[in-house]
Amino acid sequence: MSTSSKLSHFPPQSDTSHLAVDAAVGEMTDVASHAADIAIHTQESRNQLRKSIRTARKSLSETEQTQASLSASQRMLDALQVQNAQHVALYLTHDGELATPPLIAALWQLGIHTYLPRLHPFNAGQLLFLHYSADTPMQANQFGILEPKLDVRAIIPVTELDVVITPLVAFDLMGNRMGMGGGYYDRTLANWQLKGKPLPMGYAHDCQQVVSLPCEHWDVPLPFIITPSRVLTF
């Protein structure tokens, strides 16, 4: 039997089969479009939330900021001593964040080594952590945030840090954290549970709590969040 004869035994493709294929393609397109709409909506929600929370924390008076930082620093000190932390990374206050100078001064007094992040000069999106003392040379990075000047002698591997105190814009009661959107801390802490360190601990004003955060799969939840009024564990 010739090839043409063999083919003649198969019924011709009906118009309805074309309609089924077209419908399937249309449905796939609709699903992709819907997913894109959700992603855009989620990003808009995150950006709007960042804006409102940053406004709220910057609206706190100087007196409120001072009292909040003193209360939170004592709670953080207690938590760090429970963890027996000797190498602690944290941040310098920026954009209305919960102030860290009282905490840093107390850590120095206790002989605990402190470290600050700086943007990695070669690997975009990554952080380095450098030892920080009162005489550490500082410079502003591209975001206007002070960071230690690069000195390879002062760098500590992330795995040798006991605790990383993370800044954040917002958090919820499931331990989810929202940062500024750069993903620096999410990358730094992505595998912390494999070795059990460094332990991430959030540090924030009470007004930065929300009911629920729109999260992405790369967002790293926090096991501890400390505010001026509470120590939250998850």
Protein backbone atom coordinates (compact mmCIF):
# COMPACT_ATOMS: atom_id res chain seq x y z
CA MET A 1 0.00 0.00 0.00
CA SER A 2 1.36 3.40 -0.95
CA THR A 3 1.92 6.18 1.54
CA SER A 4 -0.97 8.11 0.01
CA SER A 5 -3.21 5.06 0.41
CA LYS A 6 -2.23 4.70 4.04
CA LEU A 7 -2.98 8.32 4.68
CA SER A 8 -6.35 7.96 3.04
CA HIS A 9 -7.40 5.58 5.81
CA PHE A 10 -7.19 8.39 8.39
CA PRO A 11 -10.22 10.61 8.58
CA PRO A 12 -9.66 14.20 7.59
CA GLN A 13 -9.16 16.61 10.51
CA SER A 14 -12.48 18.21 11.32
CA ASP A 15 -13.16 21.89 11.88
CA THR A 16 -14.01 21.12 15.51
CA SER A 17 -10.49 19.85 16.13
CA HIS A 18 -9.15 23.19 14.90
CA LEU A 19 -11.55 24.92 17.26
CA ALA A 20 -10.33 22.75 20.17
CA VAL A 21 -6.70 23.62 19.44
CA ASP A 22 -7.53 27.30 19.11
CA ALA A 23 -9.45 27.21 22.39
CA ALA A 24 -6.55 25.49 24.17
CA VAL A 25 -4.08 28.06 22.86
CA GLY A 26 -6.44 30.84 23.85
CA GLU A 27 -6.80 29.40 27.34
CA MET A 28 -3.01 29.13 27.76
CA THR A 29 -2.67 32.75 26.66
CA ASP A 30 -5.35 33.80 29.12
CA VAL A 31 -3.60 31.93 31.95
CA ALA A 32 -0.25 33.54 31.11
CA SER A 33 -1.89 36.95 30.89
CA HIS A 34 -3.64 36.40 34.22
CA ALA A 35 -0.37 35.33 35.84
CA ALA A 36 1.32 38.46 34.49
CA ASP A 37 -1.53 40.60 35.83
CA ILE A 38 -1.14 38.98 39.26
CA ALA A 39 2.62 39.61 39.23
CA ILE A 40 2.10 43.26 38.29
CA HIS A 41 -0.62 43.64 40.91
CA THR A 42 1.58 41.99 43.56
CA GLN A 43 4.51 44.26 42.71
CA GLU A 44 2.25 47.31 42.86
CA SER A 45 0.93 46.12 46.23
CA ARG A 46 4.46 45.66 47.56
CA ASN A 47 5.56 49.07 46.34
CA GLN A 48 2.51 50.80 47.81
CA LEU A 49 3.02 48.99 51.10
CA ARG A 50 6.67 50.03 51.20
CA LYS A 51 5.68 53.64 50.64
CA SER A 52 3.02 53.69 53.37
CA ILE A 53 5.17 51.94 56.00
CA ARG A 54 8.19 54.15 55.31
CA THR A 55 5.96 57.19 55.71
CA ALA A 56 4.61 55.84 59.01
CA ARG A 57 8.01 55.19 60.57
CA LYS A 58 9.44 58.52 59.37
CA SER A 59 6.49 60.31 60.96
CA LEU A 60 7.58 59.21 64.46
CA SER A 61 8.87 62.11 66.53
CA GLU A 62 12.47 62.30 67.68
CA THR A 63 11.35 61.44 71.21
CA GLU A 64 9.39 58.43 69.96
CA GLN A 65 12.33 57.27 67.87
CA THR A 66 14.72 57.54 70.82
CA GLN A 67 12.44 55.68 73.21
CA ALA A 68 11.74 53.00 70.62
CA SER A 69 15.43 52.40 69.97
CA LEU A 70 16.23 52.14 73.68
CA SER A 71 13.41 49.68 74.34
CA ALA A 72 14.20 47.56 71.30
CA SER A 73 17.94 47.50 71.98
CA GLN A 74 17.39 46.04 75.44
CA ARG A 75 15.15 43.31 74.03
CA MET A 76 17.69 42.56 71.33
CA LEU A 77 20.55 42.41 73.85
CA ASP A 78 18.62 39.90 75.93
CA ALA A 79 17.92 37.78 72.84
CA LEU A 80 21.55 37.89 71.70
CA GLN A 81 22.80 36.81 75.10
CA VAL A 82 20.43 33.85 75.04
CA GLN A 83 21.98 32.91 71.69
CA ASN A 84 25.48 33.49 73.10
CA ALA A 85 26.21 35.56 70.01
CA GLN A 86 29.75 36.91 69.71
CA HIS A 87 29.78 37.98 66.07
CA VAL A 88 26.77 40.10 65.14
CA ALA A 89 26.04 41.84 61.84
CA LEU A 90 23.62 44.73 61.85
CA TYR A 91 23.00 47.98 60.00
CA LEU A 92 23.30 51.73 60.38
CA THR A 93 20.01 53.59 60.63
CA HIS A 94 18.59 55.01 57.40
CA ASP A 95 15.22 56.29 56.22
CA GLY A 96 13.45 56.17 59.60
CA GLU A 97 14.56 52.64 60.49
CA LEU A 98 14.71 51.62 64.11
CA ALA A 99 17.90 53.30 65.30
CA THR A 100 20.85 51.02 66.01
CA PRO A 101 23.42 53.33 67.73
CA PRO A 102 22.27 52.41 71.29
CA LEU A 103 22.45 48.71 70.40
CA ILE A 104 25.88 49.04 68.80
CA ALA A 105 27.26 50.91 71.82
CA ALA A 106 25.91 48.24 74.16
CA LEU A 107 27.40 45.43 72.06
CA TRP A 108 30.81 47.10 72.11
CA GLN A 109 30.58 47.47 75.87
CA LEU A 110 29.90 43.74 76.16
CA GLY A 111 32.86 42.91 73.94
CA ILE A 112 30.67 41.54 71.15
CA HIS A 113 32.13 41.97 67.66
CA THR A 114 29.95 43.97 65.27
CA TYR A 115 29.86 43.94 61.48
CA LEU A 116 28.21 46.08 58.81
CA PRO A 117 27.18 45.15 55.28
CA ARG A 118 28.55 46.74 52.17
CA LEU A 119 27.63 46.16 48.54
CA HIS A 120 29.91 43.63 46.90
CA PRO A 121 32.20 45.47 44.46
CA PHE A 122 32.22 42.65 41.88
CA ASN A 123 29.12 40.47 42.41
CA ALA A 124 26.02 42.57 41.82
CA GLY A 125 23.22 41.95 44.30
CA GLN A 126 25.52 40.44 46.95
CA LEU A 127 26.70 41.75 50.32
CA LEU A 128 30.01 41.59 52.12
CA PHE A 129 30.23 41.98 55.90
CA LEU A 130 33.10 43.93 57.42
CA HIS A 131 34.17 44.37 61.04
CA TYR A 132 32.88 47.67 62.42
CA SER A 133 34.37 49.78 65.21
CA ALA A 134 34.25 53.43 66.19
CA ASP A 135 37.19 54.28 63.89
CA THR A 136 36.11 52.28 60.82
CA PRO A 137 36.40 54.45 57.66
CA MET A 138 32.95 54.87 56.11
CA GLN A 139 31.56 55.98 52.76
CA ALA A 140 28.11 56.37 51.20
CA ASN A 141 27.06 53.76 48.65
CA GLN A 142 24.87 54.24 45.59
CA PHE A 143 21.76 54.29 47.77
CA GLY A 144 23.14 56.97 50.08
CA ILE A 145 23.66 54.45 52.90
CA LEU A 146 26.89 54.54 54.88
CA GLU A 147 29.01 51.40 54.62
CA PRO A 148 32.58 50.48 55.57
CA LYS A 149 35.27 51.22 53.01
CA LEU A 150 36.48 48.03 51.41
CA ASP A 151 39.25 46.39 53.41
CA VAL A 152 39.80 42.69 52.80
CA ARG A 153 41.36 42.34 56.26
CA ALA A 154 38.02 43.28 57.84
CA ILE A 155 35.80 40.86 55.86
CA ILE A 156 34.14 38.00 57.73
CA PRO A 157 32.53 35.04 55.90
CA VAL A 158 28.78 35.01 56.39
CA THR A 159 28.97 31.50 57.87
CA GLU A 160 31.14 32.80 60.71
CA LEU A 161 28.53 35.30 61.83
CA ASP A 162 26.34 34.17 64.71
CA VAL A 163 23.47 36.57 64.03
CA VAL A 164 22.44 38.90 61.23
CA ILE A 165 20.12 41.66 62.42
CA THR A 166 18.18 42.61 59.33
CA PRO A 167 16.58 45.93 58.50
CA LEU A 168 13.12 45.64 57.01
CA VAL A 169 10.27 47.74 55.73
CA ALA A 170 7.39 45.55 56.89
CA PHE A 171 6.69 42.22 58.58
CA ASP A 172 3.66 40.08 59.38
CA LEU A 173 2.77 37.65 62.15
CA MET A 174 4.04 34.66 60.19
CA GLY A 175 7.60 35.99 60.20
CA ASN A 176 7.53 37.20 56.62
CA ARG A 177 9.84 40.12 55.90
CA MET A 178 9.63 42.77 53.22
CA GLY A 179 12.80 44.70 52.42
CA MET A 180 13.42 47.49 49.97
CA GLY A 181 13.21 45.16 47.00
CA GLY A 182 16.88 44.61 46.20
CA GLY A 183 16.93 41.08 47.59
CA TYR A 184 20.33 41.53 49.24
CA TYR A 185 19.39 39.94 52.56
CA ASP A 186 17.30 37.21 50.93
CA ARG A 187 20.38 36.13 48.97
CA THR A 188 22.61 36.38 52.03
CA LEU A 189 20.27 34.29 54.17
CA ALA A 190 18.94 31.89 51.54
CA ASN A 191 20.73 28.84 53.01
CA TRP A 192 21.06 29.78 56.67
CA GLN A 193 18.97 26.84 57.86
CA LEU A 194 21.34 24.29 56.29
CA LYS A 195 24.09 25.23 58.75
CA GLY A 196 21.93 26.85 61.40
CA LYS A 197 23.78 30.14 61.09
CA PRO A 198 23.88 33.00 60.83
CA LEU A 199 20.59 33.32 62.67
CA PRO A 200 18.50 36.08 61.07
CA MET A 201 16.69 38.43 63.44
CA GLY A 202 14.42 41.23 62.27
CA TYR A 203 14.52 44.64 63.95
CA ALA A 204 11.66 47.06 63.40
CA HIS A 205 9.20 49.57 64.79
CA ASP A 206 5.84 48.21 65.91
CA CYS A 207 4.15 50.33 63.24
CA GLN A 208 5.86 48.23 60.56
CA GLN A 209 3.67 45.21 61.30
CA VAL A 210 0.96 44.35 58.78
CA VAL A 211 -1.68 41.61 58.74
CA SER A 212 -0.24 39.74 55.77
CA LEU A 213 2.54 40.33 53.26
CA PRO A 214 2.48 39.48 49.56
CA CYS A 215 5.46 37.11 49.37
CA GLU A 216 7.61 35.68 46.62
CA HIS A 217 9.26 32.24 46.66
CA TRP A 218 12.70 33.78 47.27
CA ASP A 219 11.64 35.75 50.36
CA VAL A 220 13.34 34.39 53.48
CA PRO A 221 11.07 34.37 56.57
CA LEU A 222 12.57 35.33 59.92
CA PRO A 223 12.55 33.11 63.02
CA PHE A 224 12.79 36.18 65.28
CA ILE A 225 11.50 39.74 64.97
CA ILE A 226 12.19 42.23 67.72
CA THR A 227 10.31 45.49 68.16
CA PRO A 228 10.26 48.05 70.98
CA SER A 229 7.36 46.22 72.62
CA ARG A 230 7.76 42.53 71.73
CA VAL A 231 9.98 39.61 70.85
CA LEU A 232 8.22 37.56 68.19
CA THR A 233 9.32 33.98 67.47
CA PHE A 234 8.17 31.77 64.60
